[in-house]
Amino acid sequence: MRLATIRDGGRTRAVRADGGEAVELPAADVREVLDREGWHDWAAAADGPRRPLADLDFAPLIPSPDKILCVGLNYRSHIQETGREPPEFPTLFAKFRSALIGANDDIMLPAASGKVDWEAELAVIVGTRARHVSLADAPGIIAGYAVLNDVSMRDWQNRTLQWLQGKTWEHSTPLGPWLVTADESPGPSREIACEVDGEQMQKADTADMVFDPATLVSYISTVLTLEPGDVIATGTPSGVGAGRGRFLAEGNVVVTRIAGLGEQRNVCRREATG
């Protein structure tokens, strides 16, 4: 099953893909769907007005998650690219909901940053409230998967040893278009890629992760309670701009895709000031 949050005349609405159409669900967004007990069967059975998929205006998949948790240095190829050693434990940081944009929205390039970078990532969407989840039980906590681009302001990220200030700028992080539920998602191996103006920058396999989604869910749930709609961004492979000495500029078109999950297409726009 594929679920999305769309914009519709000043409001948002959750929808389910059904062939070439989107079926409106009686919920404002995908997080509201996931908050329902028995959400999967309810969403699969719900019926409502229909519209063509081509007409959808995608909002952020989860417009207001309780938490956006991100993992750094989680692909072996990217670790090698940075010249670091593989981590013993996941490297965690956070984003805030003001960073999120829809799958086809413009990426804002901050006036204060000259080194804005792309990072194609697999996003895990939590489907069940949970704490202290065992590794064996962790897959059952995952509602599904989505595409995310962890756009990063490297000059700000590298000002200190803490990364937050380079990671959560407003209107910078596309999430979506679809939540593909775990029962219909591909296996642990998925091709992940990112292009800038048609030039391939990243192409890898999610099997290159150091810590897989189940491991991350179990580890993070030891620290805090996971809530339905929480987003876990699982890290990026090699090919980022920092490794190439190249960064995003006004008008660049960034395409981020993961096999079986969909594609984002975002135009970069420089923030207006004054």
C-alpha atoms as a PDB file:
ATOM      1  CA  MET A   1       0.000   0.000   0.000  1.00  0.00           C
ATOM      2  CA  ARG A   2       1.142   3.530  -0.818  1.00  0.00           C
ATOM      3  CA  LEU A   3       0.035   6.471   1.314  1.00  0.00           C
ATOM      4  CA  ALA A   4       0.730  10.175   0.864  1.00  0.00           C
ATOM      5  CA  THR A   5      -0.185  13.559   2.293  1.00  0.00           C
ATOM      6  CA  ILE A   6      -1.363  16.056  -0.310  1.00  0.00           C
ATOM      7  CA  ARG A   7      -2.330  19.708  -0.333  1.00  0.00           C
ATOM      8  CA  ASP A   8      -5.925  20.466  -1.212  1.00  0.00           C
ATOM      9  CA  GLY A   9      -7.201  24.045  -1.152  1.00  0.00           C
ATOM     10  CA  GLY A  10      -5.466  25.274   1.984  1.00  0.00           C
ATOM     11  CA  ARG A  11      -5.708  21.987   3.882  1.00  0.00           C
ATOM     12  CA  THR A  12      -3.939  18.652   3.711  1.00  0.00           C
ATOM     13  CA  ARG A  13      -5.451  15.233   3.107  1.00  0.00           C
ATOM     14  CA  ALA A  14      -4.158  11.667   3.364  1.00  0.00           C
ATOM     15  CA  VAL A  15      -4.571   9.574   0.224  1.00  0.00           C
ATOM     16  CA  ARG A  16      -4.008   5.973  -0.863  1.00  0.00           C
ATOM     17  CA  ALA A  17      -2.760   5.088  -4.329  1.00  0.00           C
ATOM     18  CA  ASP A  18      -5.121   2.816  -6.230  1.00  0.00           C
ATOM     19  CA  GLY A  19      -3.904   2.139  -9.764  1.00  0.00           C
ATOM     20  CA  GLY A  20      -3.621   5.492 -11.510  1.00  0.00           C
ATOM     21  CA  GLU A  21      -5.788   7.263  -8.948  1.00  0.00           C
ATOM     22  CA  ALA A  22      -5.506   8.575  -5.400  1.00  0.00           C
ATOM     23  CA  VAL A  23      -8.307   7.738  -2.984  1.00  0.00           C
ATOM     24  CA  GLU A  24      -8.948  10.371  -0.308  1.00  0.00           C
ATOM     25  CA  LEU A  25      -8.945   9.026   3.242  1.00  0.00           C
ATOM     26  CA  PRO A  26     -10.857  10.667   6.125  1.00  0.00           C
ATOM     27  CA  ALA A  27      -7.617  11.863   7.739  1.00  0.00           C
ATOM     28  CA  ALA A  28      -5.684  15.116   7.471  1.00  0.00           C
ATOM     29  CA  ASP A  29      -2.298  13.457   6.865  1.00  0.00           C
ATOM     30  CA  VAL A  30      -0.385  10.194   7.064  1.00  0.00           C
ATOM     31  CA  ARG A  31       0.542  10.720  10.710  1.00  0.00           C
ATOM     32  CA  GLU A  32      -3.162  10.864  11.575  1.00  0.00           C
ATOM     33  CA  VAL A  33      -3.621   7.567   9.712  1.00  0.00           C
ATOM     34  CA  LEU A  34      -0.793   5.929  11.671  1.00  0.00           C
ATOM     35  CA  ASP A  35      -2.264   7.145  14.968  1.00  0.00           C
ATOM     36  CA  ARG A  36      -5.319   4.925  14.423  1.00  0.00           C
ATOM     37  CA  GLU A  37      -5.436   1.463  15.952  1.00  0.00           C
ATOM     38  CA  GLY A  38      -5.462  -1.055  13.120  1.00  0.00           C
ATOM     39  CA  TRP A  39      -4.404   1.687  10.709  1.00  0.00           C
ATOM     40  CA  HIS A  40      -3.221  -0.645   7.933  1.00  0.00           C
ATOM     41  CA  ASP A  41      -6.529  -2.458   7.429  1.00  0.00           C
ATOM     42  CA  TRP A  42      -8.482   0.771   7.908  1.00  0.00           C
ATOM     43  CA  ALA A  43      -6.458   2.623   5.263  1.00  0.00           C
ATOM     44  CA  ALA A  44      -6.642  -0.303   2.839  1.00  0.00           C
ATOM     45  CA  ALA A  45     -10.446  -0.482   3.103  1.00  0.00           C
ATOM     46  CA  ALA A  46     -11.331   3.230   3.289  1.00  0.00           C
ATOM     47  CA  ASP A  47     -13.012   4.785   0.278  1.00  0.00           C
ATOM     48  CA  GLY A  48     -13.538   8.374  -0.743  1.00  0.00           C
ATOM     49  CA  PRO A  49     -13.288  10.840  -3.623  1.00  0.00           C
ATOM     50  CA  ARG A  50     -10.716   9.973  -6.275  1.00  0.00           C
ATOM     51  CA  ARG A  51      -8.344  12.059  -8.342  1.00  0.00           C
ATOM     52  CA  PRO A  52      -5.575  11.300 -10.881  1.00  0.00           C
ATOM     53  CA  LEU A  53      -2.147  10.670  -9.403  1.00  0.00           C
ATOM     54  CA  ALA A  54      -0.685  13.156 -11.871  1.00  0.00           C
ATOM     55  CA  ASP A  55      -2.718  15.972 -10.268  1.00  0.00           C
ATOM     56  CA  LEU A  56      -1.383  15.512  -6.724  1.00  0.00           C
ATOM     57  CA  ASP A  57       0.419  18.334  -4.904  1.00  0.00           C
ATOM     58  CA  PHE A  58       2.506  16.468  -2.354  1.00  0.00           C
ATOM     59  CA  ALA A  59       2.935  17.958   1.107  1.00  0.00           C
ATOM     60  CA  PRO A  60       5.659  16.568   3.378  1.00  0.00           C
ATOM     61  CA  LEU A  61       4.703  12.933   3.923  1.00  0.00           C
ATOM     62  CA  ILE A  62       4.516  13.479   7.701  1.00  0.00           C
ATOM     63  CA  PRO A  63       3.932  17.242   8.064  1.00  0.00           C
ATOM     64  CA  SER A  64       4.320  17.323  11.868  1.00  0.00           C
ATOM     65  CA  PRO A  65       6.226  14.327  13.186  1.00  0.00           C
ATOM     66  CA  ASP A  66       6.897  14.118  16.894  1.00  0.00           C
ATOM     67  CA  LYS A  67      10.535  13.373  16.054  1.00  0.00           C
ATOM     68  CA  ILE A  68      12.864  13.417  13.060  1.00  0.00           C
ATOM     69  CA  LEU A  69      15.899  11.331  13.984  1.00  0.00           C
ATOM     70  CA  CYS A  70      18.858  11.168  11.623  1.00  0.00           C
ATOM     71  CA  VAL A  71      21.826   8.831  11.385  1.00  0.00           C
ATOM     72  CA  GLY A  72      25.248  10.000  10.233  1.00  0.00           C
ATOM     73  CA  LEU A  73      28.047   7.918   8.742  1.00  0.00           C
ATOM     74  CA  ASN A  74      25.918   4.847   8.096  1.00  0.00           C
ATOM     75  CA  TYR A  75      27.109   3.743   4.637  1.00  0.00           C
ATOM     76  CA  ARG A  76      30.479   2.086   4.286  1.00  0.00           C
ATOM     77  CA  SER A  77      31.133   3.937   1.016  1.00  0.00           C
ATOM     78  CA  HIS A  78      30.412   7.325   2.621  1.00  0.00           C
ATOM     79  CA  ILE A  79      32.560   6.533   5.661  1.00  0.00           C
ATOM     80  CA  GLN A  80      35.424   5.719   3.300  1.00  0.00           C
ATOM     81  CA  GLU A  81      34.738   8.946   1.388  1.00  0.00           C
ATOM     82  CA  THR A  82      35.103  10.982   4.605  1.00  0.00           C
ATOM     83  CA  GLY A  83      38.272   9.168   5.686  1.00  0.00           C
ATOM     84  CA  ARG A  84      36.761   8.036   8.990  1.00  0.00           C
ATOM     85  CA  GLU A  85      36.545   4.696  10.733  1.00  0.00           C
ATOM     86  CA  PRO A  86      33.269   2.730  10.848  1.00  0.00           C
ATOM     87  CA  PRO A  87      31.361   3.692  14.013  1.00  0.00           C
ATOM     88  CA  GLU A  88      30.749   1.271  16.853  1.00  0.00           C
ATOM     89  CA  PHE A  89      27.344   2.830  17.536  1.00  0.00           C
ATOM     90  CA  PRO A  90      24.919   4.868  15.414  1.00  0.00           C
ATOM     91  CA  THR A  91      25.683   8.592  15.182  1.00  0.00           C
ATOM     92  CA  LEU A  92      22.406  10.381  15.932  1.00  0.00           C
ATOM     93  CA  PHE A  93      21.223  13.940  15.413  1.00  0.00           C
ATOM     94  CA  ALA A  94      17.840  15.586  14.913  1.00  0.00           C
ATOM     95  CA  LYS A  95      15.879  17.784  12.557  1.00  0.00           C
ATOM     96  CA  PHE A  96      12.758  19.819  13.278  1.00  0.00           C
ATOM     97  CA  ARG A  97       9.520  19.809  11.320  1.00  0.00           C
ATOM     98  CA  SER A  98      10.137  23.284   9.845  1.00  0.00           C
ATOM     99  CA  ALA A  99      12.884  21.686   7.737  1.00  0.00           C
ATOM    100  CA  LEU A 100      10.433  19.431   5.892  1.00  0.00           C
ATOM    101  CA  ILE A 101       9.095  20.100   2.395  1.00  0.00           C
ATOM    102  CA  GLY A 102       7.104  18.071  -0.118  1.00  0.00           C
ATOM    103  CA  ALA A 103       8.584  15.780  -2.733  1.00  0.00           C
ATOM    104  CA  ASN A 104       8.368  18.416  -5.487  1.00  0.00           C
ATOM    105  CA  ASP A 105       8.745  21.616  -3.461  1.00  0.00           C
ATOM    106  CA  ASP A 106      11.642  24.049  -3.857  1.00  0.00           C
ATOM    107  CA  ILE A 107      14.701  23.534  -1.657  1.00  0.00           C
ATOM    108  CA  MET A 108      15.620  26.786   0.068  1.00  0.00           C
ATOM    109  CA  LEU A 109      19.322  27.627  -0.144  1.00  0.00           C
ATOM    110  CA  PRO A 110      20.023  29.824   2.898  1.00  0.00           C
ATOM    111  CA  ALA A 111      21.560  33.202   2.207  1.00  0.00           C
ATOM    112  CA  ALA A 112      23.987  32.492   5.058  1.00  0.00           C
ATOM    113  CA  SER A 113      25.376  29.260   3.567  1.00  0.00           C
ATOM    114  CA  GLY A 114      27.547  28.765   0.501  1.00  0.00           C
ATOM    115  CA  LYS A 115      27.995  25.011   0.879  1.00  0.00           C
ATOM    116  CA  VAL A 116      24.587  23.359   0.586  1.00  0.00           C
ATOM    117  CA  ASP A 117      24.908  19.620  -0.033  1.00  0.00           C
ATOM    118  CA  TRP A 118      22.632  16.772  -1.155  1.00  0.00           C
ATOM    119  CA  GLU A 119      22.237  13.485   0.743  1.00  0.00           C
ATOM    120  CA  ALA A 120      19.868  10.828  -0.633  1.00  0.00           C
ATOM    121  CA  GLU A 121      18.476   8.754   2.237  1.00  0.00           C
ATOM    122  CA  LEU A 122      16.046   5.962   3.017  1.00  0.00           C
ATOM    123  CA  ALA A 123      13.525   7.146   5.615  1.00  0.00           C
ATOM    124  CA  VAL A 124      11.965   4.707   8.065  1.00  0.00           C
ATOM    125  CA  ILE A 125       8.474   5.705   9.206  1.00  0.00           C
ATOM    126  CA  VAL A 126       7.427   4.406  12.620  1.00  0.00           C
ATOM    127  CA  GLY A 127       3.965   2.844  12.839  1.00  0.00           C
ATOM    128  CA  THR A 128       3.604   1.857  16.488  1.00  0.00           C
ATOM    129  CA  ARG A 129       4.334   3.509  19.824  1.00  0.00           C
ATOM    130  CA  ALA A 130       7.233   1.562  21.296  1.00  0.00           C
ATOM    131  CA  ARG A 131      10.068   1.630  23.807  1.00  0.00           C
ATOM    132  CA  HIS A 132      12.889  -0.844  24.464  1.00  0.00           C
ATOM    133  CA  VAL A 133      12.232  -2.790  21.273  1.00  0.00           C
ATOM    134  CA  SER A 134      14.242  -5.957  20.728  1.00  0.00           C
ATOM    135  CA  LEU A 135      16.023  -6.482  17.430  1.00  0.00           C
ATOM    136  CA  ALA A 136      13.673  -9.363  16.659  1.00  0.00           C
ATOM    137  CA  ASP A 137      10.578  -7.198  17.236  1.00  0.00           C
ATOM    138  CA  ALA A 138      11.870  -4.064  15.530  1.00  0.00           C
ATOM    139  CA  PRO A 139      10.588  -4.848  11.995  1.00  0.00           C
ATOM    140  CA  GLY A 140       7.038  -4.923  13.370  1.00  0.00           C
ATOM    141  CA  ILE A 141       7.399  -1.317  14.560  1.00  0.00           C
ATOM    142  CA  ILE A 142       8.110  -0.026  11.049  1.00  0.00           C
ATOM    143  CA  ALA A 143       5.063   1.245   9.130  1.00  0.00           C
ATOM    144  CA  GLY A 144       7.041   1.564   5.922  1.00  0.00           C
ATOM    145  CA  TYR A 145       9.673   3.472   4.020  1.00  0.00           C
ATOM    146  CA  ALA A 146      10.032   6.715   2.063  1.00  0.00           C
ATOM    147  CA  VAL A 147      12.547   8.879   0.220  1.00  0.00           C
ATOM    148  CA  LEU A 148      14.296  11.723   2.065  1.00  0.00           C
ATOM    149  CA  ASN A 149      17.058  14.139   1.112  1.00  0.00           C
ATOM    150  CA  ASP A 150      19.036  15.263   4.159  1.00  0.00           C
ATOM    151  CA  VAL A 151      20.114  18.563   2.612  1.00  0.00           C
ATOM    152  CA  SER A 152      23.011  19.855   4.700  1.00  0.00           C
ATOM    153  CA  MET A 153      24.724  23.218   5.093  1.00  0.00           C
ATOM    154  CA  ARG A 154      28.300  21.963   5.385  1.00  0.00           C
ATOM    155  CA  ASP A 155      29.916  25.274   6.323  1.00  0.00           C
ATOM    156  CA  TRP A 156      27.581  25.493   9.330  1.00  0.00           C
ATOM    157  CA  GLN A 157      27.704  21.773  10.116  1.00  0.00           C
ATOM    158  CA  ASN A 158      31.499  21.876  10.398  1.00  0.00           C
ATOM    159  CA  ARG A 159      31.687  24.927  12.639  1.00  0.00           C
ATOM    160  CA  THR A 160      31.598  22.632  15.683  1.00  0.00           C
ATOM    161  CA  LEU A 161      31.679  18.931  16.511  1.00  0.00           C
ATOM    162  CA  GLN A 162      27.871  18.985  16.888  1.00  0.00           C
ATOM    163  CA  TRP A 163      26.042  18.797  13.542  1.00  0.00           C
ATOM    164  CA  LEU A 164      22.588  20.158  14.355  1.00  0.00           C
ATOM    165  CA  GLN A 165      23.246  23.696  13.140  1.00  0.00           C
ATOM    166  CA  GLY A 166      24.050  22.406   9.660  1.00  0.00           C
ATOM    167  CA  LYS A 167      21.128  20.020   9.378  1.00  0.00           C
ATOM    168  CA  THR A 168      17.772  21.590  10.168  1.00  0.00           C
ATOM    169  CA  TRP A 169      17.463  24.799   8.140  1.00  0.00           C
ATOM    170  CA  GLU A 170      13.917  25.696   7.194  1.00  0.00           C
ATOM    171  CA  HIS A 171      12.357  24.403   3.956  1.00  0.00           C
ATOM    172  CA  SER A 172      15.367  22.249   3.134  1.00  0.00           C
ATOM    173  CA  THR A 173      14.441  18.573   3.518  1.00  0.00           C
ATOM    174  CA  PRO A 174      12.134  16.812   1.031  1.00  0.00           C
ATOM    175  CA  LEU A 175      10.217  13.848   2.498  1.00  0.00           C
ATOM    176  CA  GLY A 176       8.007  11.685   0.290  1.00  0.00           C
ATOM    177  CA  PRO A 177       6.183  11.409  -1.996  1.00  0.00           C
ATOM    178  CA  TRP A 178       4.919   8.041  -0.706  1.00  0.00           C
ATOM    179  CA  LEU A 179       4.979   5.900   2.379  1.00  0.00           C
ATOM    180  CA  VAL A 180       5.290   2.384   0.966  1.00  0.00           C
ATOM    181  CA  THR A 181       4.119   0.059   3.707  1.00  0.00           C
ATOM    182  CA  ALA A 182       6.565  -2.496   5.014  1.00  0.00           C
ATOM    183  CA  ASP A 183       4.556  -5.442   3.704  1.00  0.00           C
ATOM    184  CA  GLU A 184       4.950  -4.143   0.138  1.00  0.00           C
ATOM    185  CA  SER A 185       8.428  -2.619   0.324  1.00  0.00           C
ATOM    186  CA  PRO A 186      11.396  -4.241  -1.360  1.00  0.00           C
ATOM    187  CA  GLY A 187      13.828  -6.265   0.750  1.00  0.00           C
ATOM    188  CA  PRO A 188      16.909  -4.869   2.496  1.00  0.00           C
ATOM    189  CA  SER A 189      18.614  -4.210  -0.849  1.00  0.00           C
ATOM    190  CA  ARG A 190      17.323  -1.154  -2.733  1.00  0.00           C
ATOM    191  CA  GLU A 191      19.050   1.078  -5.254  1.00  0.00           C
ATOM    192  CA  ILE A 192      19.327   4.658  -3.992  1.00  0.00           C
ATOM    193  CA  ALA A 193      20.409   7.526  -6.234  1.00  0.00           C
ATOM    194  CA  CYS A 194      20.656  11.300  -6.522  1.00  0.00           C
ATOM    195  CA  GLU A 195      21.125  13.485  -9.617  1.00  0.00           C
ATOM    196  CA  VAL A 196      21.833  17.205  -9.922  1.00  0.00           C
ATOM    197  CA  ASP A 197      20.843  18.767 -13.263  1.00  0.00           C
ATOM    198  CA  GLY A 198      20.784  15.297 -14.813  1.00  0.00           C
ATOM    199  CA  GLU A 199      24.281  14.351 -13.625  1.00  0.00           C
ATOM    200  CA  GLN A 200      24.411  11.313 -11.368  1.00  0.00           C
ATOM    201  CA  MET A 201      26.021  12.153  -8.036  1.00  0.00           C
ATOM    202  CA  GLN A 202      25.039   9.178  -5.875  1.00  0.00           C
ATOM    203  CA  LYS A 203      24.186   5.598  -6.789  1.00  0.00           C
ATOM    204  CA  ALA A 204      24.411   2.829  -4.223  1.00  0.00           C
ATOM    205  CA  ASP A 205      22.579  -0.013  -2.546  1.00  0.00           C
ATOM    206  CA  THR A 206      20.964   0.313   0.862  1.00  0.00           C
ATOM    207  CA  ALA A 207      22.567  -3.030   1.755  1.00  0.00           C
ATOM    208  CA  ASP A 208      25.776  -0.986   2.255  1.00  0.00           C
ATOM    209  CA  MET A 209      24.394   0.355   5.557  1.00  0.00           C
ATOM    210  CA  VAL A 210      26.400  -0.317   8.705  1.00  0.00           C
ATOM    211  CA  PHE A 211      23.244  -0.277  10.872  1.00  0.00           C
ATOM    212  CA  ASP A 212      20.106  -1.535   9.134  1.00  0.00           C
ATOM    213  CA  PRO A 213      16.591  -0.158   9.857  1.00  0.00           C
ATOM    214  CA  ALA A 214      15.713  -2.807  12.451  1.00  0.00           C
ATOM    215  CA  THR A 215      18.960  -2.188  14.330  1.00  0.00           C
ATOM    216  CA  LEU A 216      18.303   1.554  14.323  1.00  0.00           C
ATOM    217  CA  VAL A 217      14.735   1.158  15.589  1.00  0.00           C
ATOM    218  CA  SER A 218      15.911  -1.080  18.426  1.00  0.00           C
ATOM    219  CA  TYR A 219      18.811   1.201  19.353  1.00  0.00           C
ATOM    220  CA  ILE A 220      16.846   4.468  19.244  1.00  0.00           C
ATOM    221  CA  SER A 221      13.919   2.984  21.190  1.00  0.00           C
ATOM    222  CA  THR A 222      16.330   2.331  24.043  1.00  0.00           C
ATOM    223  CA  VAL A 223      16.917   6.080  24.288  1.00  0.00           C
ATOM    224  CA  LEU A 224      13.346   7.330  23.880  1.00  0.00           C
ATOM    225  CA  THR A 225       9.806   6.273  23.068  1.00  0.00           C
ATOM    226  CA  LEU A 226       9.064   6.075  19.364  1.00  0.00           C
ATOM    227  CA  GLU A 227       5.690   7.426  18.244  1.00  0.00           C
ATOM    228  CA  PRO A 228       3.592   6.728  15.131  1.00  0.00           C
ATOM    229  CA  GLY A 229       4.796   8.996  12.354  1.00  0.00           C
ATOM    230  CA  ASP A 230       8.314   9.433  13.721  1.00  0.00           C
ATOM    231  CA  VAL A 231      10.878   9.643  10.921  1.00  0.00           C
ATOM    232  CA  ILE A 232      14.287   7.954  11.013  1.00  0.00           C
ATOM    233  CA  ALA A 233      16.643   9.086   8.231  1.00  0.00           C
ATOM    234  CA  THR A 234      19.119   6.249   7.839  1.00  0.00           C
ATOM    235  CA  GLY A 235      22.181   7.963   6.351  1.00  0.00           C
ATOM    236  CA  THR A 236      23.590   8.595   2.883  1.00  0.00           C
ATOM    237  CA  PRO A 237      26.007   6.773   0.571  1.00  0.00           C
ATOM    238  CA  SER A 238      29.098   8.246  -1.085  1.00  0.00           C
ATOM    239  CA  GLY A 239      28.931  10.905  -3.767  1.00  0.00           C
ATOM    240  CA  VAL A 240      27.940  13.906  -1.665  1.00  0.00           C
ATOM    241  CA  GLY A 241      28.990  17.369  -2.718  1.00  0.00           C
ATOM    242  CA  ALA A 242      31.487  17.779   0.118  1.00  0.00           C
ATOM    243  CA  GLY A 243      33.459  14.878  -1.330  1.00  0.00           C
ATOM    244  CA  ARG A 244      33.369  16.441  -4.792  1.00  0.00           C
ATOM    245  CA  GLY A 245      34.002  20.059  -3.846  1.00  0.00           C
ATOM    246  CA  ARG A 246      30.674  20.969  -5.437  1.00  0.00           C
ATOM    247  CA  PHE A 247      27.569  22.423  -3.841  1.00  0.00           C
ATOM    248  CA  LEU A 248      24.031  23.377  -4.803  1.00  0.00           C
ATOM    249  CA  ALA A 249      23.269  26.660  -6.543  1.00  0.00           C
ATOM    250  CA  GLU A 250      20.212  28.664  -7.583  1.00  0.00           C
ATOM    251  CA  GLY A 251      18.192  26.811 -10.203  1.00  0.00           C
ATOM    252  CA  ASN A 252      19.792  23.371  -9.735  1.00  0.00           C
ATOM    253  CA  VAL A 253      17.301  20.511 -10.076  1.00  0.00           C
ATOM    254  CA  VAL A 254      17.867  17.719  -7.559  1.00  0.00           C
ATOM    255  CA  VAL A 255      16.292  14.315  -8.268  1.00  0.00           C
ATOM    256  CA  THR A 256      16.355  11.752  -5.467  1.00  0.00           C
ATOM    257  CA  ARG A 257      14.984   8.241  -5.990  1.00  0.00           C
ATOM    258  CA  ILE A 258      14.880   4.879  -4.274  1.00  0.00           C
ATOM    259  CA  ALA A 259      13.807   1.770  -6.167  1.00  0.00           C
ATOM    260  CA  GLY A 260      10.263   0.797  -5.275  1.00  0.00           C
ATOM    261  CA  LEU A 261       9.626   3.934  -3.199  1.00  0.00           C
ATOM    262  CA  GLY A 262       9.408   6.766  -5.692  1.00  0.00           C
ATOM    263  CA  GLU A 263      11.175   9.938  -6.748  1.00  0.00           C
ATOM    264  CA  GLN A 264      11.590  13.523  -5.580  1.00  0.00           C
ATOM    265  CA  ARG A 265      12.298  16.420  -7.935  1.00  0.00           C
ATOM    266  CA  ASN A 266      13.258  19.699  -6.260  1.00  0.00           C
ATOM    267  CA  VAL A 267      14.441  23.017  -7.672  1.00  0.00           C
ATOM    268  CA  CYS A 268      16.931  24.977  -5.565  1.00  0.00           C
ATOM    269  CA  ARG A 269      15.999  28.588  -4.795  1.00  0.00           C
ATOM    270  CA  ARG A 270      18.212  31.071  -2.954  1.00  0.00           C
ATOM    271  CA  GLU A 271      16.637  32.611   0.143  1.00  0.00           C
ATOM    272  CA  ALA A 272      15.609  36.215  -0.314  1.00  0.00           C
ATOM    273  CA  THR A 273      16.779  38.618   2.388  1.00  0.00           C
ATOM    274  CA  GLY A 274      15.967  42.177   3.313  1.00  0.00           C
END
